[in-house]
Amino acid sequence: MQSAGSSGPGQAAARGTWSLALLLCLGGCADVDVRRIPLEQHPNFGGASTAARAERETQMNRDWQNRPLTELLAAYGKPQMVMNIPGGGMPPSFAVVYGTDPDSGCIDAFAVSSKGEPVVRIYHCR
């Protein structure tokens, strides 16, 4: 037996049909003239190619992966930003972010493992 506040399968189906009809009507009223925004190169990337950015990411990972955070701080100084990684990362990590590299346009970001002694887990060109 259903309570006064619950709905049965027939009522749920009717609501679903009504919702679909409403969406179709609204979709029919939508403006179909879509203006495309032209793609432009991001101003921070300068003239750097995708290959140059990929090369920097590869080289920075060769140089910094699995090295202690203390060494990164000694070489680059205080980061511009320290960020939590949503969900903590796997393994638990945080990110240190430095400025933009003028040659590649990369925003230098390092994921640092926060378990035990902080160690650079990976570098990302952003």
C-alpha atoms as a PDB file:
ATOM      1  CA  MET A   1       0.000   0.000   0.000  1.00  0.00           C
ATOM      2  CA  GLN A   2       1.337   3.449  -0.917  1.00  0.00           C
ATOM      3  CA  SER A   3       1.391   6.366   1.434  1.00  0.00           C
ATOM      4  CA  ALA A   4      -0.137   9.698   0.470  1.00  0.00           C
ATOM      5  CA  GLY A   5       3.309  11.223  -0.256  1.00  0.00           C
ATOM      6  CA  SER A   6       4.654   8.447  -2.503  1.00  0.00           C
ATOM      7  CA  SER A   7       4.057   7.917  -6.158  1.00  0.00           C
ATOM      8  CA  GLY A   8       3.561   4.737  -8.073  1.00  0.00           C
ATOM      9  CA  PRO A   9       5.211   3.596 -11.284  1.00  0.00           C
ATOM     10  CA  GLY A  10       2.443   5.134 -13.392  1.00  0.00           C
ATOM     11  CA  GLN A  11       2.925   8.570 -11.855  1.00  0.00           C
ATOM     12  CA  ALA A  12       6.714   8.403 -12.273  1.00  0.00           C
ATOM     13  CA  ALA A  13       6.328   7.450 -15.944  1.00  0.00           C
ATOM     14  CA  ALA A  14       3.881  10.314 -16.487  1.00  0.00           C
ATOM     15  CA  ARG A  15       6.336  12.781 -14.916  1.00  0.00           C
ATOM     16  CA  GLY A  16       9.131  11.399 -17.103  1.00  0.00           C
ATOM     17  CA  THR A  17       7.001  11.788 -20.244  1.00  0.00           C
ATOM     18  CA  TRP A  18       6.035  15.326 -19.217  1.00  0.00           C
ATOM     19  CA  SER A  19       9.693  16.258 -18.591  1.00  0.00           C
ATOM     20  CA  LEU A  20      10.734  14.886 -21.988  1.00  0.00           C
ATOM     21  CA  ALA A  21       7.947  16.804 -23.741  1.00  0.00           C
ATOM     22  CA  LEU A  22       8.941  20.021 -21.967  1.00  0.00           C
ATOM     23  CA  LEU A  23      12.596  19.585 -22.973  1.00  0.00           C
ATOM     24  CA  LEU A  24      11.641  18.933 -26.599  1.00  0.00           C
ATOM     25  CA  CYS A  25       9.448  22.062 -26.668  1.00  0.00           C
ATOM     26  CA  LEU A  26      12.187  24.197 -25.142  1.00  0.00           C
ATOM     27  CA  GLY A  27      14.723  22.737 -27.543  1.00  0.00           C
ATOM     28  CA  GLY A  28      12.517  23.698 -30.450  1.00  0.00           C
ATOM     29  CA  CYS A  29      12.496  27.311 -29.228  1.00  0.00           C
ATOM     30  CA  ALA A  30      16.277  27.479 -28.984  1.00  0.00           C
ATOM     31  CA  ASP A  31      18.188  29.743 -31.316  1.00  0.00           C
ATOM     32  CA  VAL A  32      19.778  27.482 -33.928  1.00  0.00           C
ATOM     33  CA  ASP A  33      22.209  30.140 -35.182  1.00  0.00           C
ATOM     34  CA  VAL A  34      25.364  29.176 -33.276  1.00  0.00           C
ATOM     35  CA  ARG A  35      28.268  31.613 -33.389  1.00  0.00           C
ATOM     36  CA  ARG A  36      31.626  29.910 -33.242  1.00  0.00           C
ATOM     37  CA  ILE A  37      34.362  31.605 -31.251  1.00  0.00           C
ATOM     38  CA  PRO A  38      37.564  31.530 -33.300  1.00  0.00           C
ATOM     39  CA  LEU A  39      40.411  29.563 -31.756  1.00  0.00           C
ATOM     40  CA  GLU A  40      43.359  31.726 -30.863  1.00  0.00           C
ATOM     41  CA  GLN A  41      46.682  30.840 -29.383  1.00  0.00           C
ATOM     42  CA  HIS A  42      46.837  31.549 -25.652  1.00  0.00           C
ATOM     43  CA  PRO A  43      48.923  34.718 -25.098  1.00  0.00           C
ATOM     44  CA  ASN A  44      51.150  33.021 -22.502  1.00  0.00           C
ATOM     45  CA  PHE A  45      52.223  30.319 -24.951  1.00  0.00           C
ATOM     46  CA  GLY A  46      53.979  32.859 -27.151  1.00  0.00           C
ATOM     47  CA  GLY A  47      55.476  31.268 -30.225  1.00  0.00           C
ATOM     48  CA  ALA A  48      56.188  27.949 -28.531  1.00  0.00           C
ATOM     49  CA  SER A  49      55.076  24.875 -30.406  1.00  0.00           C
ATOM     50  CA  THR A  50      53.262  21.923 -28.929  1.00  0.00           C
ATOM     51  CA  ALA A  51      56.450  19.932 -29.501  1.00  0.00           C
ATOM     52  CA  ALA A  52      58.484  22.425 -27.432  1.00  0.00           C
ATOM     53  CA  ARG A  53      55.985  22.161 -24.590  1.00  0.00           C
ATOM     54  CA  ALA A  54      56.033  18.350 -24.734  1.00  0.00           C
ATOM     55  CA  GLU A  55      59.844  18.356 -24.777  1.00  0.00           C
ATOM     56  CA  ARG A  56      59.952  20.560 -21.673  1.00  0.00           C
ATOM     57  CA  GLU A  57      57.553  18.238 -19.879  1.00  0.00           C
ATOM     58  CA  THR A  58      59.676  15.202 -20.790  1.00  0.00           C
ATOM     59  CA  GLN A  59      62.933  16.869 -19.765  1.00  0.00           C
ATOM     60  CA  MET A  60      61.556  18.263 -16.486  1.00  0.00           C
ATOM     61  CA  ASN A  61      60.263  14.804 -15.561  1.00  0.00           C
ATOM     62  CA  ARG A  62      63.694  13.320 -16.300  1.00  0.00           C
ATOM     63  CA  ASP A  63      65.282  15.983 -14.096  1.00  0.00           C
ATOM     64  CA  TRP A  64      62.831  16.068 -11.193  1.00  0.00           C
ATOM     65  CA  GLN A  65      60.807  12.881 -10.881  1.00  0.00           C
ATOM     66  CA  ASN A  66      61.400  11.046  -7.580  1.00  0.00           C
ATOM     67  CA  ARG A  67      63.647  13.788  -6.196  1.00  0.00           C
ATOM     68  CA  PRO A  68      62.998  15.321  -2.755  1.00  0.00           C
ATOM     69  CA  LEU A  69      60.907  18.482  -2.598  1.00  0.00           C
ATOM     70  CA  THR A  70      63.756  20.126  -0.678  1.00  0.00           C
ATOM     71  CA  GLU A  71      65.930  19.919  -3.825  1.00  0.00           C
ATOM     72  CA  LEU A  72      63.191  21.507  -5.963  1.00  0.00           C
ATOM     73  CA  LEU A  73      62.795  24.326  -3.436  1.00  0.00           C
ATOM     74  CA  ALA A  74      66.566  24.853  -3.345  1.00  0.00           C
ATOM     75  CA  ALA A  75      66.679  25.149  -7.146  1.00  0.00           C
ATOM     76  CA  TYR A  76      63.466  27.121  -7.827  1.00  0.00           C
ATOM     77  CA  GLY A  77      62.766  28.839  -4.520  1.00  0.00           C
ATOM     78  CA  LYS A  78      59.370  29.396  -3.000  1.00  0.00           C
ATOM     79  CA  PRO A  79      56.524  28.386  -5.351  1.00  0.00           C
ATOM     80  CA  GLN A  80      53.937  30.961  -6.403  1.00  0.00           C
ATOM     81  CA  MET A  81      51.169  28.622  -5.289  1.00  0.00           C
ATOM     82  CA  VAL A  82      50.679  25.398  -3.337  1.00  0.00           C
ATOM     83  CA  MET A  83      47.457  23.555  -4.157  1.00  0.00           C
ATOM     84  CA  ASN A  84      45.598  20.547  -2.818  1.00  0.00           C
ATOM     85  CA  ILE A  85      44.869  17.923  -5.451  1.00  0.00           C
ATOM     86  CA  PRO A  86      41.112  17.158  -5.533  1.00  0.00           C
ATOM     87  CA  GLY A  87      40.500  13.837  -3.844  1.00  0.00           C
ATOM     88  CA  GLY A  88      44.079  13.861  -2.563  1.00  0.00           C
ATOM     89  CA  GLY A  89      45.617  12.257  -5.637  1.00  0.00           C
ATOM     90  CA  MET A  90      46.993   8.749  -5.897  1.00  0.00           C
ATOM     91  CA  PRO A  91      49.226   8.486  -3.970  1.00  0.00           C
ATOM     92  CA  PRO A  92      48.177  11.373  -1.693  1.00  0.00           C
ATOM     93  CA  SER A  93      49.775  14.489  -3.161  1.00  0.00           C
ATOM     94  CA  PHE A  94      49.729  18.247  -3.438  1.00  0.00           C
ATOM     95  CA  ALA A  95      50.931  20.535  -6.229  1.00  0.00           C
ATOM     96  CA  VAL A  96      53.530  23.286  -6.208  1.00  0.00           C
ATOM     97  CA  VAL A  97      53.184  25.792  -9.032  1.00  0.00           C
ATOM     98  CA  TYR A  98      55.836  28.150 -10.316  1.00  0.00           C
ATOM     99  CA  GLY A  99      55.656  30.870 -12.948  1.00  0.00           C
ATOM    100  CA  THR A 100      55.587  30.616 -16.710  1.00  0.00           C
ATOM    101  CA  ASP A 101      58.665  29.388 -18.553  1.00  0.00           C
ATOM    102  CA  PRO A 102      59.346  32.066 -21.210  1.00  0.00           C
ATOM    103  CA  ASP A 103      60.658  29.631 -23.852  1.00  0.00           C
ATOM    104  CA  SER A 104      57.822  27.095 -23.794  1.00  0.00           C
ATOM    105  CA  GLY A 105      54.964  29.036 -22.211  1.00  0.00           C
ATOM    106  CA  CYS A 106      54.601  26.212 -19.679  1.00  0.00           C
ATOM    107  CA  ILE A 107      53.283  27.029 -16.249  1.00  0.00           C
ATOM    108  CA  ASP A 108      55.575  24.781 -14.241  1.00  0.00           C
ATOM    109  CA  ALA A 109      53.538  22.546 -11.918  1.00  0.00           C
ATOM    110  CA  PHE A 110      54.881  19.665  -9.860  1.00  0.00           C
ATOM    111  CA  ALA A 111      52.750  17.028  -8.116  1.00  0.00           C
ATOM    112  CA  VAL A 112      54.465  16.150  -4.844  1.00  0.00           C
ATOM    113  CA  SER A 113      53.783  12.985  -2.881  1.00  0.00           C
ATOM    114  CA  SER A 114      52.795  13.929   0.663  1.00  0.00           C
ATOM    115  CA  LYS A 115      53.334  10.495   2.175  1.00  0.00           C
ATOM    116  CA  GLY A 116      56.582  10.315   4.138  1.00  0.00           C
ATOM    117  CA  GLU A 117      59.305  12.659   2.873  1.00  0.00           C
ATOM    118  CA  PRO A 118      57.753  14.893   0.162  1.00  0.00           C
ATOM    119  CA  VAL A 119      59.042  13.750  -3.236  1.00  0.00           C
ATOM    120  CA  VAL A 120      58.322  15.142  -6.706  1.00  0.00           C
ATOM    121  CA  ARG A 121      55.953  12.625  -8.269  1.00  0.00           C
ATOM    122  CA  ILE A 122      55.498  14.226 -11.699  1.00  0.00           C
ATOM    123  CA  TYR A 123      55.938  17.506 -13.564  1.00  0.00           C
ATOM    124  CA  HIS A 124      53.152  18.966 -15.694  1.00  0.00           C
ATOM    125  CA  CYS A 125      53.420  21.723 -18.296  1.00  0.00           C
ATOM    126  CA  ARG A 126      50.184  23.711 -17.864  1.00  0.00           C
END
